[in-house]
Amino acid sequence: MKLQNYHISIVRGDSGTLTVRCKGPGGEARPFSEGECVRLAVKADARQRESLLQKAETDFPEGAAVFSFAPEDTRAFPFGNYRYDVRLTDREGNVFTIVPAGDFTVLEAIADA
């Protein structure tokens, strides 16, 4: 799994982790805390209503959200480009997009398991 400039790429069926940290309005570190939820959603395109893949984290080691990807998360995905974003829901129920829409590419796997 690789992240570069809001572009995530993963080989279909691979395992991986993605760590997300947040900054406050002034650029200072803003750790996630108990009672918050960070969600990552992947869709075929922004107009699609249902997510093809969604992950939620409520436990934040060292103030970060760590999303774990298992082989079954992408095994059924056709190779190609998708869209994703990451949103934070705070304790008061406010929702903030902390990673704007970016590309999520599922790369071909030659030796599918």
PDB file of N, CA and C in Angstrom:
ATOM      1  N   MET A   1       0.853  -1.170   0.000  1.00  0.00           N
ATOM      2  CA  MET A   1       0.000   0.000   0.000  1.00  0.00           C
ATOM      3  C   MET A   1       0.897   1.230   0.000  1.00  0.00           C
ATOM      4  N   LYS A   2       0.501   2.211  -0.804  1.00  0.00           N
ATOM      5  CA  LYS A   2       1.308   3.422  -0.932  1.00  0.00           C
ATOM      6  C   LYS A   2       0.378   4.639  -0.936  1.00  0.00           C
ATOM      7  N   LEU A   3       0.784   5.697  -0.254  1.00  0.00           N
ATOM      8  CA  LEU A   3       0.042   6.958  -0.237  1.00  0.00           C
ATOM      9  C   LEU A   3       0.975   8.068  -0.680  1.00  0.00           C
ATOM     10  N   GLN A   4       0.522   8.825  -1.682  1.00  0.00           N
ATOM     11  CA  GLN A   4       1.319   9.947  -2.161  1.00  0.00           C
ATOM     12  C   GLN A   4       0.364  11.019  -2.689  1.00  0.00           C
ATOM     13  N   ASN A   5       0.431  12.216  -2.094  1.00  0.00           N
ATOM     14  CA  ASN A   5      -0.404  13.346  -2.529  1.00  0.00           C
ATOM     15  C   ASN A   5      -1.879  12.967  -2.654  1.00  0.00           C
ATOM     16  N   TYR A   6      -2.447  12.404  -1.611  1.00  0.00           N
ATOM     17  CA  TYR A   6      -3.868  11.996  -1.576  1.00  0.00           C
ATOM     18  C   TYR A   6      -4.188  10.857  -2.534  1.00  0.00           C
ATOM     19  N   HIS A   7      -3.196  10.190  -3.089  1.00  0.00           N
ATOM     20  CA  HIS A   7      -3.418   9.057  -3.981  1.00  0.00           C
ATOM     21  C   HIS A   7      -2.964   7.790  -3.256  1.00  0.00           C
ATOM     22  N   ILE A   8      -3.931   6.893  -3.027  1.00  0.00           N
ATOM     23  CA  ILE A   8      -3.632   5.604  -2.395  1.00  0.00           C
ATOM     24  C   ILE A   8      -3.596   4.556  -3.493  1.00  0.00           C
ATOM     25  N   SER A   9      -2.596   3.697  -3.458  1.00  0.00           N
ATOM     26  CA  SER A   9      -2.574   2.558  -4.371  1.00  0.00           C
ATOM     27  C   SER A   9      -2.309   1.295  -3.568  1.00  0.00           C
ATOM     28  N   ILE A  10      -3.007   0.226  -3.945  1.00  0.00           N
ATOM     29  CA  ILE A  10      -2.856  -1.061  -3.282  1.00  0.00           C
ATOM     30  C   ILE A  10      -3.006  -2.159  -4.335  1.00  0.00           C
ATOM     31  N   VAL A  11      -2.184  -3.186  -4.235  1.00  0.00           N
ATOM     32  CA  VAL A  11      -2.314  -4.331  -5.129  1.00  0.00           C
ATOM     33  C   VAL A  11      -3.527  -5.137  -4.653  1.00  0.00           C
ATOM     34  N   ARG A  12      -4.393  -5.491  -5.597  1.00  0.00           N
ATOM     35  CA  ARG A  12      -5.613  -6.222  -5.240  1.00  0.00           C
ATOM     36  C   ARG A  12      -5.272  -7.455  -4.405  1.00  0.00           C
ATOM     37  N   GLY A  13      -5.961  -7.582  -3.261  1.00  0.00           N
ATOM     38  CA  GLY A  13      -5.772  -8.729  -2.385  1.00  0.00           C
ATOM     39  C   GLY A  13      -4.627  -8.598  -1.399  1.00  0.00           C
ATOM     40  N   ASP A  14      -3.915  -7.471  -1.397  1.00  0.00           N
ATOM     41  CA  ASP A  14      -2.809  -7.291  -0.444  1.00  0.00           C
ATOM     42  C   ASP A  14      -3.318  -6.807   0.910  1.00  0.00           C
ATOM     43  N   SER A  15      -2.488  -7.009   1.914  1.00  0.00           N
ATOM     44  CA  SER A  15      -2.705  -6.443   3.245  1.00  0.00           C
ATOM     45  C   SER A  15      -1.965  -5.115   3.311  1.00  0.00           C
ATOM     46  N   GLY A  16      -2.390  -4.248   4.217  1.00  0.00           N
ATOM     47  CA  GLY A  16      -1.689  -2.982   4.393  1.00  0.00           C
ATOM     48  C   GLY A  16      -2.321  -2.150   5.483  1.00  0.00           C
ATOM     49  N   THR A  17      -1.642  -1.081   5.855  1.00  0.00           N
ATOM     50  CA  THR A  17      -2.187  -0.140   6.836  1.00  0.00           C
ATOM     51  C   THR A  17      -2.024   1.276   6.308  1.00  0.00           C
ATOM     52  N   LEU A  18      -2.927   2.121   6.740  1.00  0.00           N
ATOM     53  CA  LEU A  18      -2.892   3.533   6.399  1.00  0.00           C
ATOM     54  C   LEU A  18      -3.097   4.308   7.693  1.00  0.00           C
ATOM     55  N   THR A  19      -2.137   5.157   8.050  1.00  0.00           N
ATOM     56  CA  THR A  19      -2.224   5.959   9.268  1.00  0.00           C
ATOM     57  C   THR A  19      -2.618   7.378   8.900  1.00  0.00           C
ATOM     58  N   VAL A  20      -3.666   7.884   9.566  1.00  0.00           N
ATOM     59  CA  VAL A  20      -4.160   9.237   9.322  1.00  0.00           C
ATOM     60  C   VAL A  20      -4.006  10.054  10.596  1.00  0.00           C
ATOM     61  N   ARG A  21      -3.356  11.201  10.445  1.00  0.00           N
ATOM     62  CA  ARG A  21      -3.215  12.170  11.536  1.00  0.00           C
ATOM     63  C   ARG A  21      -3.896  13.456  11.099  1.00  0.00           C
ATOM     64  N   CYS A  22      -4.224  14.292  12.065  1.00  0.00           N
ATOM     65  CA  CYS A  22      -4.966  15.510  11.759  1.00  0.00           C
ATOM     66  C   CYS A  22      -4.210  16.731  12.277  1.00  0.00           C
ATOM     67  N   LYS A  23      -4.411  17.857  11.590  1.00  0.00           N
ATOM     68  CA  LYS A  23      -3.858  19.134  12.038  1.00  0.00           C
ATOM     69  C   LYS A  23      -5.002  20.106  12.301  1.00  0.00           C
ATOM     70  N   GLY A  24      -4.805  20.976  13.274  1.00  0.00           N
ATOM     71  CA  GLY A  24      -5.793  22.003  13.583  1.00  0.00           C
ATOM     72  C   GLY A  24      -5.707  23.135  12.576  1.00  0.00           C
ATOM     73  N   PRO A  25      -6.591  24.132  12.710  1.00  0.00           N
ATOM     74  CA  PRO A  25      -6.629  25.253  11.760  1.00  0.00           C
ATOM     75  C   PRO A  25      -5.307  26.010  11.642  1.00  0.00           C
ATOM     76  N   GLY A  26      -4.521  26.037  12.709  1.00  0.00           N
ATOM     77  CA  GLY A  26      -3.245  26.742  12.682  1.00  0.00           C
ATOM     78  C   GLY A  26      -2.076  25.876  12.267  1.00  0.00           C
ATOM     79  N   GLY A  27      -2.363  24.621  11.861  1.00  0.00           N
ATOM     80  CA  GLY A  27      -1.297  23.721  11.439  1.00  0.00           C
ATOM     81  C   GLY A  27      -0.701  22.893  12.567  1.00  0.00           C
ATOM     82  N   GLU A  28      -1.197  23.101  13.788  1.00  0.00           N
ATOM     83  CA  GLU A  28      -0.683  22.342  14.925  1.00  0.00           C
ATOM     84  C   GLU A  28      -1.270  20.933  14.925  1.00  0.00           C
ATOM     85  N   ALA A  29      -0.548  19.980  15.530  1.00  0.00           N
ATOM     86  CA  ALA A  29      -1.043  18.603  15.630  1.00  0.00           C
ATOM     87  C   ALA A  29      -2.355  18.607  16.406  1.00  0.00           C
ATOM     88  N   ARG A  30      -3.320  17.856  15.913  1.00  0.00           N
ATOM     89  CA  ARG A  30      -4.631  17.759  16.548  1.00  0.00           C
ATOM     90  C   ARG A  30      -4.956  16.268  16.669  1.00  0.00           C
ATOM     91  N   PRO A  31      -4.541  15.643  17.807  1.00  0.00           N
ATOM     92  CA  PRO A  31      -4.760  14.202  17.946  1.00  0.00           C
ATOM     93  C   PRO A  31      -6.253  13.862  18.041  1.00  0.00           C
ATOM     94  N   PHE A  32      -6.620  12.701  17.504  1.00  0.00           N
ATOM     95  CA  PHE A  32      -7.980  12.201  17.678  1.00  0.00           C
ATOM     96  C   PHE A  32      -8.113  11.716  19.116  1.00  0.00           C
ATOM     97  N   SER A  33      -9.347  11.722  19.631  1.00  0.00           N
ATOM     98  CA  SER A  33      -9.537  11.325  21.027  1.00  0.00           C
ATOM     99  C   SER A  33     -10.803  10.502  21.201  1.00  0.00           C
ATOM    100  N   GLU A  34     -10.947   9.963  22.403  1.00  0.00           N
ATOM    101  CA  GLU A  34     -12.094   9.123  22.742  1.00  0.00           C
ATOM    102  C   GLU A  34     -13.399   9.843  22.431  1.00  0.00           C
ATOM    103  N   GLY A  35     -14.344   9.090  21.875  1.00  0.00           N
ATOM    104  CA  GLY A  35     -15.638   9.664  21.534  1.00  0.00           C
ATOM    105  C   GLY A  35     -15.718  10.169  20.104  1.00  0.00           C
ATOM    106  N   GLU A  36     -14.610  10.136  19.379  1.00  0.00           N
ATOM    107  CA  GLU A  36     -14.595  10.565  17.979  1.00  0.00           C
ATOM    108  C   GLU A  36     -14.552   9.335  17.078  1.00  0.00           C
ATOM    109  N   CYS A  37     -14.907   9.535  15.815  1.00  0.00           N
ATOM    110  CA  CYS A  37     -14.872   8.453  14.834  1.00  0.00           C
ATOM    111  C   CYS A  37     -14.281   8.996  13.540  1.00  0.00           C
ATOM    112  N   VAL A  38     -13.325   8.256  12.984  1.00  0.00           N
ATOM    113  CA  VAL A  38     -12.712   8.614  11.707  1.00  0.00           C
ATOM    114  C   VAL A  38     -13.097   7.529  10.702  1.00  0.00           C
ATOM    115  N   ARG A  39     -13.702   7.955   9.581  1.00  0.00           N
ATOM    116  CA  ARG A  39     -14.189   7.018   8.567  1.00  0.00           C
ATOM    117  C   ARG A  39     -13.496   7.241   7.227  1.00  0.00           C
ATOM    118  N   LEU A  40     -13.126   6.144   6.595  1.00  0.00           N
ATOM    119  CA  LEU A  40     -12.586   6.154   5.239  1.00  0.00           C
ATOM    120  C   LEU A  40     -13.620   5.450   4.355  1.00  0.00           C
ATOM    121  N   ALA A  41     -13.981   6.074   3.243  1.00  0.00           N
ATOM    122  CA  ALA A  41     -14.940   5.478   2.320  1.00  0.00           C
ATOM    123  C   ALA A  41     -14.356   5.465   0.917  1.00  0.00           C
ATOM    124  N   VAL A  42     -14.574   4.356   0.198  1.00  0.00           N
ATOM    125  CA  VAL A  42     -14.120   4.206  -1.177  1.00  0.00           C
ATOM    126  C   VAL A  42     -15.354   3.963  -2.041  1.00  0.00           C
ATOM    127  N   LYS A  43     -15.455   4.723  -3.129  1.00  0.00           N
ATOM    128  CA  LYS A  43     -16.568   4.585  -4.069  1.00  0.00           C
ATOM    129  C   LYS A  43     -16.023   4.502  -5.493  1.00  0.00           C
ATOM    130  N   ALA A  44     -16.858   3.995  -6.405  1.00  0.00           N
ATOM    131  CA  ALA A  44     -16.461   3.951  -7.813  1.00  0.00           C
ATOM    132  C   ALA A  44     -16.275   5.369  -8.336  1.00  0.00           C
ATOM    133  N   ASP A  45     -17.149   6.283  -7.923  1.00  0.00           N
ATOM    134  CA  ASP A  45     -17.014   7.708  -8.241  1.00  0.00           C
ATOM    135  C   ASP A  45     -17.807   8.494  -7.206  1.00  0.00           C
ATOM    136  N   ALA A  46     -17.628   9.792  -7.200  1.00  0.00           N
ATOM    137  CA  ALA A  46     -18.225  10.642  -6.166  1.00  0.00           C
ATOM    138  C   ALA A  46     -19.749  10.640  -6.201  1.00  0.00           C
ATOM    139  N   ARG A  47     -20.343  10.353  -7.350  1.00  0.00           N
ATOM    140  CA  ARG A  47     -21.802  10.376  -7.471  1.00  0.00           C
ATOM    141  C   ARG A  47     -22.469   9.105  -6.955  1.00  0.00           C
ATOM    142  N   GLN A  48     -21.691   8.066  -6.738  1.00  0.00           N
ATOM    143  CA  GLN A  48     -22.239   6.796  -6.251  1.00  0.00           C
ATOM    144  C   GLN A  48     -22.720   6.957  -4.811  1.00  0.00           C
ATOM    145  N   ARG A  49     -23.878   6.415  -4.512  1.00  0.00           N
ATOM    146  CA  ARG A  49     -24.453   6.565  -3.178  1.00  0.00           C
ATOM    147  C   ARG A  49     -23.805   5.632  -2.144  1.00  0.00           C
ATOM    148  N   GLU A  50     -23.646   4.384  -2.515  1.00  0.00           N
ATOM    149  CA  GLU A  50     -23.107   3.387  -1.592  1.00  0.00           C
ATOM    150  C   GLU A  50     -21.597   3.252  -1.723  1.00  0.00           C
ATOM    151  N   SER A  51     -20.943   3.087  -0.592  1.00  0.00           N
ATOM    152  CA  SER A  51     -19.497   2.851  -0.584  1.00  0.00           C
ATOM    153  C   SER A  51     -19.211   1.407  -0.971  1.00  0.00           C
ATOM    154  N   LEU A  52     -18.153   1.203  -1.724  1.00  0.00           N
ATOM    155  CA  LEU A  52     -17.681  -0.149  -2.034  1.00  0.00           C
ATOM    156  C   LEU A  52     -16.882  -0.711  -0.866  1.00  0.00           C
ATOM    157  N   LEU A  53     -16.259   0.191  -0.123  1.00  0.00           N
ATOM    158  CA  LEU A  53     -15.447  -0.176   1.038  1.00  0.00           C
ATOM    159  C   LEU A  53     -15.539   0.950   2.028  1.00  0.00           C
ATOM    160  N   GLN A  54     -15.813   0.612   3.284  1.00  0.00           N
ATOM    161  CA  GLN A  54     -15.852   1.633   4.334  1.00  0.00           C
ATOM    162  C   GLN A  54     -15.181   1.076   5.570  1.00  0.00           C
ATOM    163  N   LYS A  55     -14.358   1.906   6.186  1.00  0.00           N
ATOM    164  CA  LYS A  55     -13.673   1.529   7.423  1.00  0.00           C
ATOM    165  C   LYS A  55     -13.870   2.644   8.433  1.00  0.00           C
ATOM    166  N   ALA A  56     -14.034   2.281   9.690  1.00  0.00           N
ATOM    167  CA  ALA A  56     -14.220   3.261  10.761  1.00  0.00           C
ATOM    168  C   ALA A  56     -13.275   2.920  11.911  1.00  0.00           C
ATOM    169  N   GLU A  57     -12.663   3.951  12.477  1.00  0.00           N
ATOM    170  CA  GLU A  57     -11.767   3.779  13.620  1.00  0.00           C
ATOM    171  C   GLU A  57     -12.231   4.664  14.772  1.00  0.00           C
ATOM    172  N   THR A  58     -12.266   4.077  15.970  1.00  0.00           N
ATOM    173  CA  THR A  58     -12.616   4.820  17.177  1.00  0.00           C
ATOM    174  C   THR A  58     -11.544   4.677  18.252  1.00  0.00           C
ATOM    175  N   ASP A  59     -10.506   3.918  17.951  1.00  0.00           N
ATOM    176  CA  ASP A  59      -9.369   3.729  18.857  1.00  0.00           C
ATOM    177  C   ASP A  59      -8.173   4.390  18.188  1.00  0.00           C
ATOM    178  N   PHE A  60      -7.492   5.271  18.919  1.00  0.00           N
ATOM    179  CA  PHE A  60      -6.467   6.102  18.297  1.00  0.00           C
ATOM    180  C   PHE A  60      -5.127   6.003  19.007  1.00  0.00           C
ATOM    181  N   PRO A  61      -4.323   4.979  18.653  1.00  0.00           N
ATOM    182  CA  PRO A  61      -2.996   4.885  19.252  1.00  0.00           C
ATOM    183  C   PRO A  61      -2.160   6.120  18.892  1.00  0.00           C
ATOM    184  N   GLU A  62      -1.619   6.747  19.909  1.00  0.00           N
ATOM    185  CA  GLU A  62      -0.802   7.957  19.731  1.00  0.00           C
ATOM    186  C   GLU A  62      -1.557   9.060  18.989  1.00  0.00           C
ATOM    187  N   GLY A  63      -2.909   9.079  19.132  1.00  0.00           N
ATOM    188  CA  GLY A  63      -3.717  10.146  18.559  1.00  0.00           C
ATOM    189  C   GLY A  63      -3.979  10.022  17.072  1.00  0.00           C
ATOM    190  N   ALA A  64      -3.622   8.880  16.470  1.00  0.00           N
ATOM    191  CA  ALA A  64      -3.796   8.680  15.025  1.00  0.00           C
ATOM    192  C   ALA A  64      -4.831   7.593  14.752  1.00  0.00           C
ATOM    193  N   ALA A  65      -5.466   7.663  13.591  1.00  0.00           N
ATOM    194  CA  ALA A  65      -6.366   6.602  13.132  1.00  0.00           C
ATOM    195  C   ALA A  65      -5.553   5.673  12.233  1.00  0.00           C
ATOM    196  N   VAL A  66      -5.573   4.386  12.544  1.00  0.00           N
ATOM    197  CA  VAL A  66      -4.824   3.406  11.761  1.00  0.00           C
ATOM    198  C   VAL A  66      -5.832   2.453  11.111  1.00  0.00           C
ATOM    199  N   PHE A  67      -5.958   2.554   9.795  1.00  0.00           N
ATOM    200  CA  PHE A  67      -6.861   1.697   9.040  1.00  0.00           C
ATOM    201  C   PHE A  67      -6.084   0.478   8.557  1.00  0.00           C
ATOM    202  N   SER A  68      -6.597  -0.708   8.868  1.00  0.00           N
ATOM    203  CA  SER A  68      -5.964  -1.957   8.428  1.00  0.00           C
ATOM    204  C   SER A  68      -6.751  -2.525   7.257  1.00  0.00           C
ATOM    205  N   PHE A  69      -6.030  -2.925   6.226  1.00  0.00           N
ATOM    206  CA  PHE A  69      -6.634  -3.526   5.046  1.00  0.00           C
ATOM    207  C   PHE A  69      -6.247  -4.998   5.008  1.00  0.00           C
ATOM    208  N   ALA A  70      -7.255  -5.858   4.880  1.00  0.00           N
ATOM    209  CA  ALA A  70      -7.047  -7.301   4.773  1.00  0.00           C
ATOM    210  C   ALA A  70      -7.231  -7.701   3.306  1.00  0.00           C
ATOM    211  N   PRO A  71      -6.706  -8.858   2.911  1.00  0.00           N
ATOM    212  CA  PRO A  71      -6.834  -9.276   1.510  1.00  0.00           C
ATOM    213  C   PRO A  71      -8.279  -9.247   0.994  1.00  0.00           C
ATOM    214  N   GLU A  72      -9.226  -9.643   1.821  1.00  0.00           N
ATOM    215  CA  GLU A  72     -10.627  -9.680   1.369  1.00  0.00           C
ATOM    216  C   GLU A  72     -11.222  -8.295   1.123  1.00  0.00           C
ATOM    217  N   ASP A  73     -10.603  -7.244   1.623  1.00  0.00           N
ATOM    218  CA  ASP A  73     -11.120  -5.886   1.406  1.00  0.00           C
ATOM    219  C   ASP A  73     -11.087  -5.486  -0.065  1.00  0.00           C
ATOM    220  N   THR A  74     -10.074  -5.934  -0.803  1.00  0.00           N
ATOM    221  CA  THR A  74      -9.946  -5.522  -2.212  1.00  0.00           C
ATOM    222  C   THR A  74      -9.946  -6.698  -3.186  1.00  0.00           C
ATOM    223  N   ARG A  75     -10.042  -7.915  -2.684  1.00  0.00           N
ATOM    224  CA  ARG A  75      -9.930  -9.105  -3.538  1.00  0.00           C
ATOM    225  C   ARG A  75     -10.961  -9.118  -4.671  1.00  0.00           C
ATOM    226  N   ALA A  76     -12.161  -8.612  -4.434  1.00  0.00           N
ATOM    227  CA  ALA A  76     -13.231  -8.647  -5.450  1.00  0.00           C
ATOM    228  C   ALA A  76     -13.255  -7.387  -6.322  1.00  0.00           C
ATOM    229  N   PHE A  77     -12.413  -6.407  -6.019  1.00  0.00           N
ATOM    230  CA  PHE A  77     -12.391  -5.164  -6.801  1.00  0.00           C
ATOM    231  C   PHE A  77     -11.800  -5.409  -8.188  1.00  0.00           C
ATOM    232  N   PRO A  78     -12.460  -4.955  -9.239  1.00  0.00           N
ATOM    233  CA  PRO A  78     -11.794  -4.951 -10.543  1.00  0.00           C
ATOM    234  C   PRO A  78     -10.606  -3.975 -10.485  1.00  0.00           C
ATOM    235  N   PHE A  79      -9.552  -4.260 -11.215  1.00  0.00           N
ATOM    236  CA  PHE A  79      -8.422  -3.345 -11.272  1.00  0.00           C
ATOM    237  C   PHE A  79      -8.926  -2.000 -11.768  1.00  0.00           C
ATOM    238  N   GLY A  80      -8.360  -0.911 -11.250  1.00  0.00           N
ATOM    239  CA  GLY A  80      -8.759   0.393 -11.749  1.00  0.00           C
ATOM    240  C   GLY A  80      -8.746   1.470 -10.696  1.00  0.00           C
ATOM    241  N   ASN A  81      -9.305   2.613 -11.066  1.00  0.00           N
ATOM    242  CA  ASN A  81      -9.306   3.796 -10.209  1.00  0.00           C
ATOM    243  C   ASN A  81     -10.661   4.005  -9.557  1.00  0.00           C
ATOM    244  N   TYR A  82     -10.613   4.364  -8.282  1.00  0.00           N
ATOM    245  CA  TYR A  82     -11.783   4.651  -7.481  1.00  0.00           C
ATOM    246  C   TYR A  82     -11.543   5.994  -6.793  1.00  0.00           C
ATOM    247  N   ARG A  83     -12.495   6.452  -5.991  1.00  0.00           N
ATOM    248  CA  ARG A  83     -12.346   7.703  -5.234  1.00  0.00           C
ATOM    249  C   ARG A  83     -12.551   7.400  -3.752  1.00  0.00           C
ATOM    250  N   TYR A  84     -11.858   8.151  -2.897  1.00  0.00           N
ATOM    251  CA  TYR A  84     -12.006   7.970  -1.452  1.00  0.00           C
ATOM    252  C   TYR A  84     -11.916   9.331  -0.770  1.00  0.00           C
ATOM    253  N   ASP A  85     -12.383   9.372   0.474  1.00  0.00           N
ATOM    254  CA  ASP A  85     -12.115  10.495   1.359  1.00  0.00           C
ATOM    255  C   ASP A  85     -12.122   9.985   2.790  1.00  0.00           C
ATOM    256  N   VAL A  86     -11.712  10.855   3.716  1.00  0.00           N
ATOM    257  CA  VAL A  86     -11.679  10.505   5.136  1.00  0.00           C
ATOM    258  C   VAL A  86     -12.377  11.622   5.898  1.00  0.00           C
ATOM    259  N   ARG A  87     -13.309  11.223   6.776  1.00  0.00           N
ATOM    260  CA  ARG A  87     -14.075  12.194   7.557  1.00  0.00           C
ATOM    261  C   ARG A  87     -13.970  11.910   9.044  1.00  0.00           C
ATOM    262  N   LEU A  88     -13.964  12.979   9.793  1.00  0.00           N
ATOM    263  CA  LEU A  88     -13.940  12.929  11.254  1.00  0.00           C
ATOM    264  C   LEU A  88     -15.303  13.348  11.774  1.00  0.00           C
ATOM    265  N   THR A  89     -15.880  12.557  12.684  1.00  0.00           N
ATOM    266  CA  THR A  89     -17.071  12.957  13.427  1.00  0.00           C
ATOM    267  C   THR A  89     -16.611  13.184  14.861  1.00  0.00           C
ATOM    268  N   ASP A  90     -16.758  14.426  15.354  1.00  0.00           N
ATOM    269  CA  ASP A  90     -16.287  14.733  16.709  1.00  0.00           C
ATOM    270  C   ASP A  90     -17.344  14.354  17.756  1.00  0.00           C
ATOM    271  N   ARG A  91     -17.030  14.579  19.011  1.00  0.00           N
ATOM    272  CA  ARG A  91     -17.921  14.199  20.113  1.00  0.00           C
ATOM    273  C   ARG A  91     -19.279  14.882  20.053  1.00  0.00           C
ATOM    274  N   GLU A  92     -19.333  16.045  19.438  1.00  0.00           N
ATOM    275  CA  GLU A  92     -20.589  16.798  19.357  1.00  0.00           C
ATOM    276  C   GLU A  92     -21.408  16.411  18.120  1.00  0.00           C
ATOM    277  N   GLY A  93     -20.877  15.517  17.288  1.00  0.00           N
ATOM    278  CA  GLY A  93     -21.591  15.095  16.086  1.00  0.00           C
ATOM    279  C   GLY A  93     -21.268  15.921  14.854  1.00  0.00           C
ATOM    280  N   ASN A  94     -20.339  16.865  14.972  1.00  0.00           N
ATOM    281  CA  ASN A  94     -19.913  17.645  13.812  1.00  0.00           C
ATOM    282  C   ASN A  94     -19.066  16.770  12.897  1.00  0.00           C
ATOM    283  N   VAL A  95     -19.230  16.945  11.594  1.00  0.00           N
ATOM    284  CA  VAL A  95     -18.496  16.144  10.609  1.00  0.00           C
ATOM    285  C   VAL A  95     -17.559  17.047   9.816  1.00  0.00           C
ATOM    286  N   PHE A  96     -16.313  16.603   9.698  1.00  0.00           N
ATOM    287  CA  PHE A  96     -15.280  17.353   8.978  1.00  0.00           C
ATOM    288  C   PHE A  96     -14.571  16.416   8.004  1.00  0.00           C
ATOM    289  N   THR A  97     -14.442  16.821   6.753  1.00  0.00           N
ATOM    290  CA  THR A  97     -13.654  16.057   5.792  1.00  0.00           C
ATOM    291  C   THR A  97     -12.194  16.444   6.020  1.00  0.00           C
ATOM    292  N   ILE A  98     -11.410  15.490   6.511  1.00  0.00           N
ATOM    293  CA  ILE A  98     -10.018  15.798   6.859  1.00  0.00           C
ATOM    294  C   ILE A  98      -9.045  15.355   5.772  1.00  0.00           C
ATOM    295  N   VAL A  99      -9.479  14.461   4.886  1.00  0.00           N
ATOM    296  CA  VAL A  99      -8.713  14.127   3.690  1.00  0.00           C
ATOM    297  C   VAL A  99      -9.699  14.281   2.533  1.00  0.00           C
ATOM    298  N   PRO A 100      -9.492  15.276   1.685  1.00  0.00           N
ATOM    299  CA  PRO A 100     -10.449  15.494   0.588  1.00  0.00           C
ATOM    300  C   PRO A 100     -10.401  14.352  -0.424  1.00  0.00           C
ATOM    301  N   ALA A 101     -11.391  14.326  -1.284  1.00  0.00           N
ATOM    302  CA  ALA A 101     -11.491  13.258  -2.282  1.00  0.00           C
ATOM    303  C   ALA A 101     -10.178  13.083  -3.029  1.00  0.00           C
ATOM    304  N   GLY A 102      -9.749  11.847  -3.088  1.00  0.00           N
ATOM    305  CA  GLY A 102      -8.509  11.509  -3.784  1.00  0.00           C
ATOM    306  C   GLY A 102      -8.678  10.202  -4.529  1.00  0.00           C
ATOM    307  N   ASP A 103      -7.651   9.818  -5.259  1.00  0.00           N
ATOM    308  CA  ASP A 103      -7.690   8.584  -6.024  1.00  0.00           C
ATOM    309  C   ASP A 103      -7.304   7.392  -5.155  1.00  0.00           C
ATOM    310  N   PHE A 104      -8.010   6.294  -5.350  1.00  0.00           N
ATOM    311  CA  PHE A 104      -7.741   5.027  -4.702  1.00  0.00           C
ATOM    312  C   PHE A 104      -7.605   4.019  -5.835  1.00  0.00           C
ATOM    313  N   THR A 105      -6.385   3.589  -6.117  1.00  0.00           N
ATOM    314  CA  THR A 105      -6.122   2.723  -7.266  1.00  0.00           C
ATOM    315  C   THR A 105      -5.876   1.295  -6.810  1.00  0.00           C
ATOM    316  N   VAL A 106      -6.626   0.362  -7.397  1.00  0.00           N
ATOM    317  CA  VAL A 106      -6.409  -1.059  -7.158  1.00  0.00           C
ATOM    318  C   VAL A 106      -5.576  -1.577  -8.325  1.00  0.00           C
ATOM    319  N   LEU A 107      -4.354  -1.980  -7.987  1.00  0.00           N
ATOM    320  CA  LEU A 107      -3.400  -2.442  -8.991  1.00  0.00           C
ATOM    321  C   LEU A 107      -3.570  -3.932  -9.262  1.00  0.00           C
ATOM    322  N   GLU A 108      -3.179  -4.349 -10.450  1.00  0.00           N
ATOM    323  CA  GLU A 108      -3.329  -5.753 -10.799  1.00  0.00           C
ATOM    324  C   GLU A 108      -2.390  -6.634  -9.985  1.00  0.00           C
ATOM    325  N   ALA A 109      -2.889  -7.820  -9.706  1.00  0.00           N
ATOM    326  CA  ALA A 109      -2.116  -8.825  -8.988  1.00  0.00           C
ATOM    327  C   ALA A 109      -1.911  -9.997  -9.944  1.00  0.00           C
ATOM    328  N   ILE A 110      -0.690 -10.377 -10.153  1.00  0.00           N
ATOM    329  CA  ILE A 110      -0.383 -11.462 -11.066  1.00  0.00           C
ATOM    330  C   ILE A 110      -0.622 -12.811 -10.381  1.00  0.00           C
ATOM    331  N   ALA A 111      -0.191 -12.918  -9.138  1.00  0.00           N
ATOM    332  CA  ALA A 111      -0.318 -14.173  -8.402  1.00  0.00           C
ATOM    333  C   ALA A 111      -1.468 -14.074  -7.412  1.00  0.00           C
ATOM    334  N   ASP A 112      -2.701 -13.988  -7.927  1.00  0.00           N
ATOM    335  CA  ASP A 112      -3.871 -13.938  -7.028  1.00  0.00           C
ATOM    336  C   ASP A 112      -3.909 -15.167  -6.149  1.00  0.00           C
ATOM    337  N   ALA A 113      -4.217 -14.904  -4.876  1.00  0.00           N
ATOM    338  CA  ALA A 113      -4.309 -16.029  -3.926  1.00  0.00           C
ATOM    339  C   ALA A 113      -5.658 -16.678  -4.006  1.00  0.00           C
TER     340      ALA A 113
END
